[in-house]
Amino acid sequence: QGATVLGVRGGRRRILATLKREIAAGTPVEFGIAHANAPEDAEWFRRRIGESFALARETFVVEATTVLANHIGEGAVGVAWLAAGS
């Protein structure tokens, strides 16, 4: 699904809105966050995810490998999720 947003804040809000739309309320979910030298943005997601979803376990945050960071660019953040029991 394509979308145009302006700025980091708009992008973060759009990603969070997509998560809320795709994940049924109350579903136990596991999340992982990877970032390329963007710990503040990763922490923003971790906090919002904890406030918004039924977590099956604590959300983990990792720094992307150098190879991945070179391809996606510094400052990128990725959020992955899996419904518990899937």
C-alpha atoms as a PDB file:
ATOM      1  CA  GLN A   1       0.000   0.000   0.000  1.00  0.00           C
ATOM      2  CA  GLY A   2       1.637   3.233  -1.108  1.00  0.00           C
ATOM      3  CA  ALA A   3       1.423   6.515   0.737  1.00  0.00           C
ATOM      4  CA  THR A   4       3.108   9.877   0.693  1.00  0.00           C
ATOM      5  CA  VAL A   5       4.037  11.538   3.961  1.00  0.00           C
ATOM      6  CA  LEU A   6       6.176  14.511   4.783  1.00  0.00           C
ATOM      7  CA  GLY A   7       8.880  14.281   7.408  1.00  0.00           C
ATOM      8  CA  VAL A   8       9.858  11.738  10.010  1.00  0.00           C
ATOM      9  CA  ARG A   9       6.945  12.508  12.330  1.00  0.00           C
ATOM     10  CA  GLY A  10       4.418  11.979   9.556  1.00  0.00           C
ATOM     11  CA  GLY A  11       6.076   8.719   8.576  1.00  0.00           C
ATOM     12  CA  ARG A  12       6.087   7.416  12.144  1.00  0.00           C
ATOM     13  CA  ARG A  13       2.404   8.255  12.585  1.00  0.00           C
ATOM     14  CA  ARG A  14       1.546   6.590   9.278  1.00  0.00           C
ATOM     15  CA  ILE A  15       3.362   3.383  10.245  1.00  0.00           C
ATOM     16  CA  LEU A  16       1.648   3.304  13.643  1.00  0.00           C
ATOM     17  CA  ALA A  17      -1.751   3.872  11.990  1.00  0.00           C
ATOM     18  CA  THR A  18      -1.047   0.987   9.598  1.00  0.00           C
ATOM     19  CA  LEU A  19      -0.200  -1.302  12.513  1.00  0.00           C
ATOM     20  CA  LYS A  20      -3.428  -0.347  14.274  1.00  0.00           C
ATOM     21  CA  ARG A  21      -5.428  -0.997  11.113  1.00  0.00           C
ATOM     22  CA  GLU A  22      -3.797  -4.368  10.393  1.00  0.00           C
ATOM     23  CA  ILE A  23      -3.762  -5.855  13.912  1.00  0.00           C
ATOM     24  CA  ALA A  24      -7.087  -6.729  15.535  1.00  0.00           C
ATOM     25  CA  ALA A  25      -7.593  -5.092  18.929  1.00  0.00           C
ATOM     26  CA  GLY A  26      -6.693  -7.370  21.810  1.00  0.00           C
ATOM     27  CA  THR A  27      -4.637  -9.770  19.676  1.00  0.00           C
ATOM     28  CA  PRO A  28      -1.445 -10.790  21.526  1.00  0.00           C
ATOM     29  CA  VAL A  29       1.408  -9.632  19.290  1.00  0.00           C
ATOM     30  CA  GLU A  30       5.194  -9.845  19.281  1.00  0.00           C
ATOM     31  CA  PHE A  31       7.111  -6.884  17.851  1.00  0.00           C
ATOM     32  CA  GLY A  32      10.688  -6.322  16.802  1.00  0.00           C
ATOM     33  CA  ILE A  33      12.250  -3.026  15.815  1.00  0.00           C
ATOM     34  CA  ALA A  34      15.482  -2.567  13.856  1.00  0.00           C
ATOM     35  CA  HIS A  35      17.098   0.799  13.267  1.00  0.00           C
ATOM     36  CA  ALA A  36      20.070   2.222  11.385  1.00  0.00           C
ATOM     37  CA  ASN A  37      21.608   4.681  13.848  1.00  0.00           C
ATOM     38  CA  ALA A  38      18.167   5.963  14.900  1.00  0.00           C
ATOM     39  CA  PRO A  39      17.731   4.867  18.531  1.00  0.00           C
ATOM     40  CA  GLU A  40      15.398   7.757  19.375  1.00  0.00           C
ATOM     41  CA  ASP A  41      12.975   6.834  16.588  1.00  0.00           C
ATOM     42  CA  ALA A  42      13.146   3.161  17.547  1.00  0.00           C
ATOM     43  CA  GLU A  43      12.342   4.066  21.158  1.00  0.00           C
ATOM     44  CA  TRP A  44       9.409   6.213  19.985  1.00  0.00           C
ATOM     45  CA  PHE A  45       7.953   3.130  18.267  1.00  0.00           C
ATOM     46  CA  ARG A  46       8.664   0.875  21.249  1.00  0.00           C
ATOM     47  CA  ARG A  47       6.760   3.207  23.593  1.00  0.00           C
ATOM     48  CA  ARG A  48       3.784   3.691  21.246  1.00  0.00           C
ATOM     49  CA  ILE A  49       3.558  -0.033  20.547  1.00  0.00           C
ATOM     50  CA  GLY A  50       3.528  -0.759  24.287  1.00  0.00           C
ATOM     51  CA  GLU A  51       0.702   1.755  24.757  1.00  0.00           C
ATOM     52  CA  SER A  52      -1.349   0.538  21.792  1.00  0.00           C
ATOM     53  CA  PHE A  53      -1.182  -3.257  21.619  1.00  0.00           C
ATOM     54  CA  ALA A  54      -1.541  -6.401  23.741  1.00  0.00           C
ATOM     55  CA  LEU A  55       2.083  -7.525  23.856  1.00  0.00           C
ATOM     56  CA  ALA A  56       2.802 -11.252  23.965  1.00  0.00           C
ATOM     57  CA  ARG A  57       6.321 -10.378  25.150  1.00  0.00           C
ATOM     58  CA  GLU A  58       8.545  -7.350  25.505  1.00  0.00           C
ATOM     59  CA  THR A  59       9.320  -5.588  22.223  1.00  0.00           C
ATOM     60  CA  PHE A  60      12.961  -5.946  21.279  1.00  0.00           C
ATOM     61  CA  VAL A  61      15.008  -3.221  19.625  1.00  0.00           C
ATOM     62  CA  VAL A  62      18.197  -3.922  17.674  1.00  0.00           C
ATOM     63  CA  GLU A  63      20.587  -1.904  15.586  1.00  0.00           C
ATOM     64  CA  ALA A  64      20.615  -2.963  11.941  1.00  0.00           C
ATOM     65  CA  THR A  65      23.773  -4.598  10.652  1.00  0.00           C
ATOM     66  CA  THR A  66      26.215  -2.457   8.714  1.00  0.00           C
ATOM     67  CA  VAL A  67      25.317  -4.177   5.442  1.00  0.00           C
ATOM     68  CA  LEU A  68      21.597  -3.565   5.934  1.00  0.00           C
ATOM     69  CA  ALA A  69      22.170   0.017   7.099  1.00  0.00           C
ATOM     70  CA  ASN A  70      24.190   0.726   3.945  1.00  0.00           C
ATOM     71  CA  HIS A  71      21.270  -0.400   1.795  1.00  0.00           C
ATOM     72  CA  ILE A  72      18.391   1.221   3.671  1.00  0.00           C
ATOM     73  CA  GLY A  73      20.191   4.377   4.747  1.00  0.00           C
ATOM     74  CA  GLU A  74      21.098   5.930   8.047  1.00  0.00           C
ATOM     75  CA  GLY A  75      18.092   6.905  10.115  1.00  0.00           C
ATOM     76  CA  ALA A  76      15.820   4.134   8.834  1.00  0.00           C
ATOM     77  CA  VAL A  77      13.595   2.198  11.241  1.00  0.00           C
ATOM     78  CA  GLY A  78      11.773  -1.054  10.553  1.00  0.00           C
ATOM     79  CA  VAL A  79       8.962  -2.575  12.602  1.00  0.00           C
ATOM     80  CA  ALA A  80       8.041  -6.254  12.318  1.00  0.00           C
ATOM     81  CA  TRP A  81       5.198  -8.061  14.048  1.00  0.00           C
ATOM     82  CA  LEU A  82       3.830 -11.543  14.471  1.00  0.00           C
ATOM     83  CA  ALA A  83       0.532 -12.463  16.076  1.00  0.00           C
ATOM     84  CA  ALA A  84       1.328 -14.760  18.998  1.00  0.00           C
ATOM     85  CA  GLY A  85       0.654 -18.378  18.159  1.00  0.00           C
ATOM     86  CA  SER A  86       1.041 -17.827  14.392  1.00  0.00           C
END
